[in-house]
């Protein structure tokens, strides 16, 4: 193969199929001299005329007839292996989609995703993973993680794409008969009352902590916990309050009659929830389908959490 220009193979096949240099040029979308030049190079390389003019047009020599099947096979392999797009049918897909989520993200995204998967991709599965930021980057790069959905400020490098979905905010949560329940809370009360503070793996709570530190506001953290799930039981049995992403608050409000919500007395920052993916898989039909589904279900218009 040394010295053979593989770009000449389409010319060999086109001339054999048309038996005419002009028609071969039309098929290839080039001018006639270019086909003649290509044929000359092929003749020099194989040391054979390959095609000779006859009363029936250009007839292949025995050497050309021996080359044509291999040449066609090369072109077919290139078309199927490199040029055809990958087919993806969600109805028959049995892939396990891995999504990086925080525990807040699971509450926000998983229920609706599972509902849609049961209809659109009934044979597919979902796997929620909670990873450190550097592990999420490696997972997205390797393909072990299909998508990271939520608040991931570290995924902002050139190798990652991101799409904003909607904006989240914070809300206060407490038991229904708390002294601060069902009325506006003052800043003084917010800072003096005992707080249950979640130090979770998710990054959203950092937004709140950084704001309070920047404003030099110090609340009384009676309890620090890495879990959101235990908050309803803790709050119903204590005088503590918790400031949490509002999806958490409204989810617990529906399930626990003893829990009420209140607006914070401070202009706490909001944060955007996004989906992130690695540029290696940007053109993957399977990944594109998942991202399209997420963007359809979660956006400013479809945001189900009360503002």
Protein backbone atom coordinates (compact mmCIF):
# COMPACT_ATOMS: atom_id res chain seq x y z
CA UNK A 1 0.00 0.00 0.00
CA UNK A 2 3.02 2.31 0.27
CA UNK A 3 2.64 5.19 -2.15
CA UNK A 4 -1.01 4.49 -2.98
CA UNK A 5 -3.25 7.54 -2.65
CA UNK A 6 -6.48 6.16 -1.20
CA UNK A 7 -8.33 9.20 -2.54
CA UNK A 8 -8.00 7.59 -5.97
CA UNK A 9 -10.18 4.59 -5.07
CA UNK A 10 -13.53 6.36 -5.76
CA UNK A 11 -12.23 7.24 -9.24
CA UNK A 12 -11.41 3.59 -9.95
CA UNK A 13 -14.92 2.47 -8.96
CA UNK A 14 -16.68 5.32 -10.80
CA UNK A 15 -14.84 4.62 -14.06
CA UNK A 16 -15.62 0.91 -13.83
CA UNK A 17 -19.31 1.54 -13.18
CA UNK A 18 -19.78 4.20 -15.89
CA UNK A 19 -17.18 2.96 -18.41
CA UNK A 20 -16.75 6.60 -19.40
CA UNK A 21 -14.45 9.33 -18.07
CA UNK A 22 -17.00 12.13 -18.57
CA UNK A 23 -19.80 10.26 -16.80
CA UNK A 24 -17.42 9.29 -14.00
CA UNK A 25 -16.59 12.97 -13.57
CA UNK A 26 -20.31 13.85 -13.35
CA UNK A 27 -20.89 11.16 -10.74
CA UNK A 28 -17.96 12.33 -8.64
CA UNK A 29 -18.80 16.01 -9.07
CA UNK A 30 -15.43 16.93 -10.55
CA UNK A 31 -14.19 17.97 -14.00
CA UNK A 32 -13.05 15.50 -16.65
CA UNK A 33 -9.31 16.38 -16.51
CA UNK A 34 -9.29 15.51 -12.81
CA UNK A 35 -10.61 12.02 -13.56
CA UNK A 36 -8.06 11.58 -16.33
CA UNK A 37 -5.28 12.63 -13.97
CA UNK A 38 -6.49 10.18 -11.31
CA UNK A 39 -6.61 7.37 -13.85
CA UNK A 40 -3.06 8.19 -14.91
CA UNK A 41 -1.84 7.94 -11.31
CA UNK A 42 -3.63 4.60 -10.86
CA UNK A 43 -2.04 3.26 -14.05
CA UNK A 44 1.41 4.32 -12.88
CA UNK A 45 0.97 2.75 -9.45
CA UNK A 46 -0.40 -0.61 -10.67
CA UNK A 47 1.72 -0.60 -13.87
CA UNK A 48 -1.33 -1.56 -15.86
CA UNK A 49 -3.62 0.39 -18.24
CA UNK A 50 -6.60 -0.72 -16.07
CA UNK A 51 -9.12 0.56 -18.67
CA UNK A 52 -8.79 0.48 -22.46
CA UNK A 53 -11.00 2.14 -25.04
CA UNK A 54 -13.14 -0.23 -27.12
CA UNK A 55 -16.20 0.10 -29.32
CA UNK A 56 -18.28 -0.52 -26.17
CA UNK A 57 -16.57 2.14 -24.09
CA UNK A 58 -13.76 1.80 -21.59
CA UNK A 59 -13.34 -1.86 -20.72
CA UNK A 60 -11.47 -2.95 -17.57
CA UNK A 61 -8.36 -5.05 -17.88
CA UNK A 62 -8.04 -8.28 -15.87
CA UNK A 63 -5.97 -6.33 -13.31
CA UNK A 64 -8.76 -3.78 -12.89
CA UNK A 65 -11.38 -6.53 -12.56
CA UNK A 66 -9.32 -8.03 -9.76
CA UNK A 67 -9.04 -4.65 -7.99
CA UNK A 68 -12.67 -3.52 -8.23
CA UNK A 69 -14.21 -5.85 -5.56
CA UNK A 70 -11.62 -4.75 -2.99
CA UNK A 71 -12.07 -1.09 -3.94
CA UNK A 72 -15.86 -1.33 -3.51
CA UNK A 73 -15.39 -3.07 -0.18
CA UNK A 74 -13.14 -0.24 1.04
CA UNK A 75 -15.73 2.40 0.06
CA UNK A 76 -18.56 0.45 1.70
CA UNK A 77 -16.59 0.11 4.92
CA UNK A 78 -15.86 3.82 4.99
CA UNK A 79 -19.52 4.70 4.42
CA UNK A 80 -20.80 2.34 7.09
CA UNK A 81 -18.02 2.81 9.58
CA UNK A 82 -17.31 6.51 9.30
CA UNK A 83 -20.00 8.36 7.40
CA UNK A 84 -23.29 6.81 8.49
CA UNK A 85 -24.85 8.31 11.60
CA UNK A 86 -25.47 6.09 14.59
CA UNK A 87 -29.10 5.02 14.86
CA UNK A 88 -30.82 5.41 18.21
CA UNK A 89 -34.33 4.25 19.04
CA UNK A 90 -35.41 5.04 22.62
CA UNK A 91 -38.23 2.50 22.39
CA UNK A 92 -35.74 -0.37 22.03
CA UNK A 93 -32.83 1.12 23.99
CA UNK A 94 -31.76 -1.01 26.97
CA UNK A 95 -28.95 1.30 28.07
CA UNK A 96 -28.52 2.30 31.72
CA UNK A 97 -28.25 6.09 31.69
CA UNK A 98 -25.97 7.36 34.44
CA UNK A 99 -26.72 10.87 35.72
CA UNK A 100 -24.69 12.75 38.32
CA UNK A 101 -27.13 14.26 40.84
CA UNK A 102 -27.03 15.61 44.36
CA UNK A 103 -29.70 14.50 46.82
CA UNK A 104 -31.52 17.77 46.03
CA UNK A 105 -31.19 16.90 42.35
CA UNK A 106 -32.77 13.51 42.92
CA UNK A 107 -35.84 15.15 44.43
CA UNK A 108 -36.08 17.70 41.61
CA UNK A 109 -35.29 15.56 38.58
CA UNK A 110 -35.69 11.82 39.17
CA UNK A 111 -39.48 11.47 39.65
CA UNK A 112 -40.37 13.17 36.35
CA UNK A 113 -37.50 11.52 34.47
CA UNK A 114 -38.64 8.08 35.59
CA UNK A 115 -42.20 8.85 34.52
CA UNK A 116 -41.06 9.86 31.03
CA UNK A 117 -38.65 6.95 30.71
CA UNK A 118 -41.50 4.51 31.35
CA UNK A 119 -43.27 5.94 28.29
CA UNK A 120 -40.49 6.97 25.91
CA UNK A 121 -37.75 4.45 26.76
CA UNK A 122 -39.47 1.58 28.59
CA UNK A 123 -36.48 -0.76 28.35
CA UNK A 124 -33.87 1.75 29.52
CA UNK A 125 -32.72 2.25 33.10
CA UNK A 126 -31.56 5.19 35.20
CA UNK A 127 -28.66 5.30 37.64
CA UNK A 128 -28.13 8.26 39.93
CA UNK A 129 -24.56 8.82 41.12
CA UNK A 130 -23.21 11.24 43.69
CA UNK A 131 -19.55 12.03 43.03
CA UNK A 132 -16.88 14.54 43.94
CA UNK A 133 -16.36 17.28 41.32
CA UNK A 134 -13.16 15.78 39.90
CA UNK A 135 -14.80 12.35 39.71
CA UNK A 136 -17.73 13.83 37.79
CA UNK A 137 -15.31 15.34 35.28
CA UNK A 138 -13.57 11.99 34.78
CA UNK A 139 -16.90 10.17 34.56
CA UNK A 140 -18.22 12.51 31.86
CA UNK A 141 -14.95 12.26 29.94
CA UNK A 142 -14.88 8.45 30.04
CA UNK A 143 -18.58 8.06 29.31
CA UNK A 144 -19.29 6.32 32.63
CA UNK A 145 -21.53 9.32 33.42
CA UNK A 146 -23.87 10.41 30.62
CA UNK A 147 -24.95 13.71 32.13
CA UNK A 148 -24.49 15.92 35.19
CA UNK A 149 -27.68 17.76 36.11
CA UNK A 150 -27.93 20.35 38.85
CA UNK A 151 -25.58 22.94 40.30
CA UNK A 152 -22.02 22.04 39.26
CA UNK A 153 -19.99 25.29 39.02
CA UNK A 154 -16.74 23.38 38.52
CA UNK A 155 -17.84 22.01 35.13
CA UNK A 156 -17.00 25.18 33.23
CA UNK A 157 -13.92 24.15 31.25
CA UNK A 158 -13.57 24.08 27.48
CA UNK A 159 -14.20 20.33 27.39
CA UNK A 160 -17.73 20.67 28.74
CA UNK A 161 -20.96 21.92 27.26
CA UNK A 162 -23.71 23.25 29.52
CA UNK A 163 -27.34 24.27 29.15
CA UNK A 164 -29.27 26.29 31.70
CA UNK A 165 -32.57 24.70 32.73
CA UNK A 166 -34.14 26.97 35.39
CA UNK A 167 -33.33 28.98 38.50
CA UNK A 168 -33.56 27.75 42.09
CA UNK A 169 -33.83 29.72 45.32
CA UNK A 170 -33.78 29.18 49.10
CA UNK A 171 -36.64 28.93 51.57
CA UNK A 172 -36.95 28.43 55.33
CA UNK A 173 -38.51 25.29 56.77
CA UNK A 174 -39.80 24.71 60.32
CA UNK A 175 -42.50 22.89 62.28
CA UNK A 176 -46.07 24.16 61.90
CA UNK A 177 -46.38 25.43 65.50
CA UNK A 178 -43.01 27.16 65.56
CA UNK A 179 -42.98 30.69 67.01
CA UNK A 180 -41.80 32.04 63.65
CA UNK A 181 -44.34 30.09 61.58
CA UNK A 182 -46.99 31.78 59.44
CA UNK A 183 -45.55 35.29 59.69
CA UNK A 184 -42.71 37.33 58.26
CA UNK A 185 -39.38 36.57 59.89
CA UNK A 186 -37.09 39.46 60.79
CA UNK A 187 -33.35 39.40 60.16
CA UNK A 188 -32.71 39.48 63.91
CA UNK A 189 -34.95 36.47 64.48
CA UNK A 190 -33.34 34.60 61.59
CA UNK A 191 -29.86 35.11 63.02
CA UNK A 192 -30.75 34.36 66.65
CA UNK A 193 -32.93 31.25 66.22
CA UNK A 194 -31.29 27.83 66.20
CA UNK A 195 -30.57 26.41 62.72
CA UNK A 196 -30.21 22.91 61.33
CA UNK A 197 -27.47 23.37 58.73
CA UNK A 198 -26.94 20.82 55.98
CA UNK A 199 -23.35 20.29 54.87
CA UNK A 200 -24.15 18.03 51.93
CA UNK A 201 -22.01 16.90 49.02
CA UNK A 202 -24.07 19.06 46.65
CA UNK A 203 -22.73 22.50 45.86
CA UNK A 204 -25.97 24.50 46.18
CA UNK A 205 -25.61 25.01 49.93
CA UNK A 206 -22.27 26.69 49.30
CA UNK A 207 -24.14 29.54 47.63
CA UNK A 208 -25.99 30.26 50.88
CA UNK A 209 -22.91 29.91 53.09
CA UNK A 210 -20.80 32.15 50.86
CA UNK A 211 -23.52 34.83 50.86
CA UNK A 212 -23.76 34.86 54.68
CA UNK A 213 -19.98 34.98 55.01
CA UNK A 214 -19.71 37.83 52.51
CA UNK A 215 -22.38 39.80 54.39
CA UNK A 216 -20.71 38.91 57.71
CA UNK A 217 -23.91 37.38 58.99
CA UNK A 218 -23.57 34.62 61.54
CA UNK A 219 -26.52 32.37 62.31
CA UNK A 220 -26.57 29.91 65.19
CA UNK A 221 -25.85 26.46 63.76
CA UNK A 222 -27.19 24.23 66.54
CA UNK A 223 -27.00 21.18 64.29
CA UNK A 224 -24.82 20.36 61.28
CA UNK A 225 -25.76 17.32 59.22
CA UNK A 226 -24.77 15.94 55.81
CA UNK A 227 -28.34 14.81 55.06
CA UNK A 228 -31.54 16.52 53.94
CA UNK A 229 -33.70 13.42 54.49
CA UNK A 230 -33.68 13.66 58.28
CA UNK A 231 -34.72 17.32 58.42
CA UNK A 232 -38.52 16.85 58.72
CA UNK A 233 -38.22 14.58 61.76
CA UNK A 234 -35.62 16.84 63.36
CA UNK A 235 -37.58 20.04 62.78
CA UNK A 236 -40.90 18.66 64.05
CA UNK A 237 -39.28 17.77 67.40
CA UNK A 238 -37.16 20.89 67.94
CA UNK A 239 -37.30 24.67 67.69
CA UNK A 240 -34.77 24.65 64.87
CA UNK A 241 -35.34 26.00 61.38
CA UNK A 242 -33.52 25.07 58.17
CA UNK A 243 -32.80 27.10 55.06
CA UNK A 244 -32.88 24.79 52.06
CA UNK A 245 -33.31 24.85 48.25
CA UNK A 246 -36.99 25.49 47.69
CA UNK A 247 -37.58 22.19 45.88
CA UNK A 248 -36.64 20.41 49.10
CA UNK A 249 -38.99 22.57 51.13
CA UNK A 250 -42.00 22.10 48.86
CA UNK A 251 -41.37 18.37 48.53
CA UNK A 252 -41.43 17.99 52.30
CA UNK A 253 -44.41 20.32 52.63
CA UNK A 254 -46.50 17.87 50.58
CA UNK A 255 -45.42 14.84 52.62
CA UNK A 256 -45.33 16.24 56.15
CA UNK A 257 -48.33 18.08 57.54
CA UNK A 258 -46.26 19.25 60.49
CA UNK A 259 -43.88 21.22 58.26
CA UNK A 260 -44.43 24.80 57.06
CA UNK A 261 -42.36 27.13 54.89
CA UNK A 262 -41.45 30.79 55.26
CA UNK A 263 -39.64 33.28 53.07
CA UNK A 264 -36.14 34.21 54.29
CA UNK A 265 -35.80 37.79 55.56
CA UNK A 266 -32.68 38.28 53.46
CA UNK A 267 -32.31 38.64 49.67
CA UNK A 268 -30.58 35.29 49.40
CA UNK A 269 -28.92 34.55 46.06
CA UNK A 270 -30.47 32.33 43.44
CA UNK A 271 -28.60 29.72 41.43
CA UNK A 272 -29.09 28.20 38.01
CA UNK A 273 -29.58 24.49 37.56
CA UNK A 274 -27.93 23.22 34.37
CA UNK A 275 -27.14 20.06 32.49
CA UNK A 276 -23.51 19.38 31.62
CA UNK A 277 -21.89 16.94 29.18
CA UNK A 278 -18.45 16.29 27.72
CA UNK A 279 -17.64 17.50 24.22
CA UNK A 280 -16.53 13.95 23.27
CA UNK A 281 -20.18 12.86 23.35
CA UNK A 282 -21.76 16.02 21.99
CA UNK A 283 -22.78 14.32 18.73
CA UNK A 284 -23.84 11.02 20.28
CA UNK A 285 -27.50 10.37 19.30
CA UNK A 286 -28.13 8.64 22.62
CA UNK A 287 -26.72 11.52 24.62
CA UNK A 288 -28.54 14.08 22.47
CA UNK A 289 -31.84 12.28 23.12
CA UNK A 290 -31.28 12.36 26.89
CA UNK A 291 -30.35 16.05 26.87
CA UNK A 292 -33.37 16.93 24.76
CA UNK A 293 -35.64 15.06 27.17
CA UNK A 294 -34.15 16.85 30.19
CA UNK A 295 -34.49 20.27 28.54
CA UNK A 296 -38.13 19.52 27.62
CA UNK A 297 -39.04 18.50 31.17
CA UNK A 298 -37.08 21.10 33.10
CA UNK A 299 -37.10 24.73 32.05
CA UNK A 300 -38.55 28.05 33.18
CA UNK A 301 -41.95 27.27 31.66
CA UNK A 302 -42.19 23.73 33.06
CA UNK A 303 -40.78 24.57 36.51
CA UNK A 304 -43.22 22.87 38.88
CA UNK A 305 -41.80 24.30 42.09
CA UNK A 306 -43.80 27.35 43.29
CA UNK A 307 -42.01 30.65 42.94
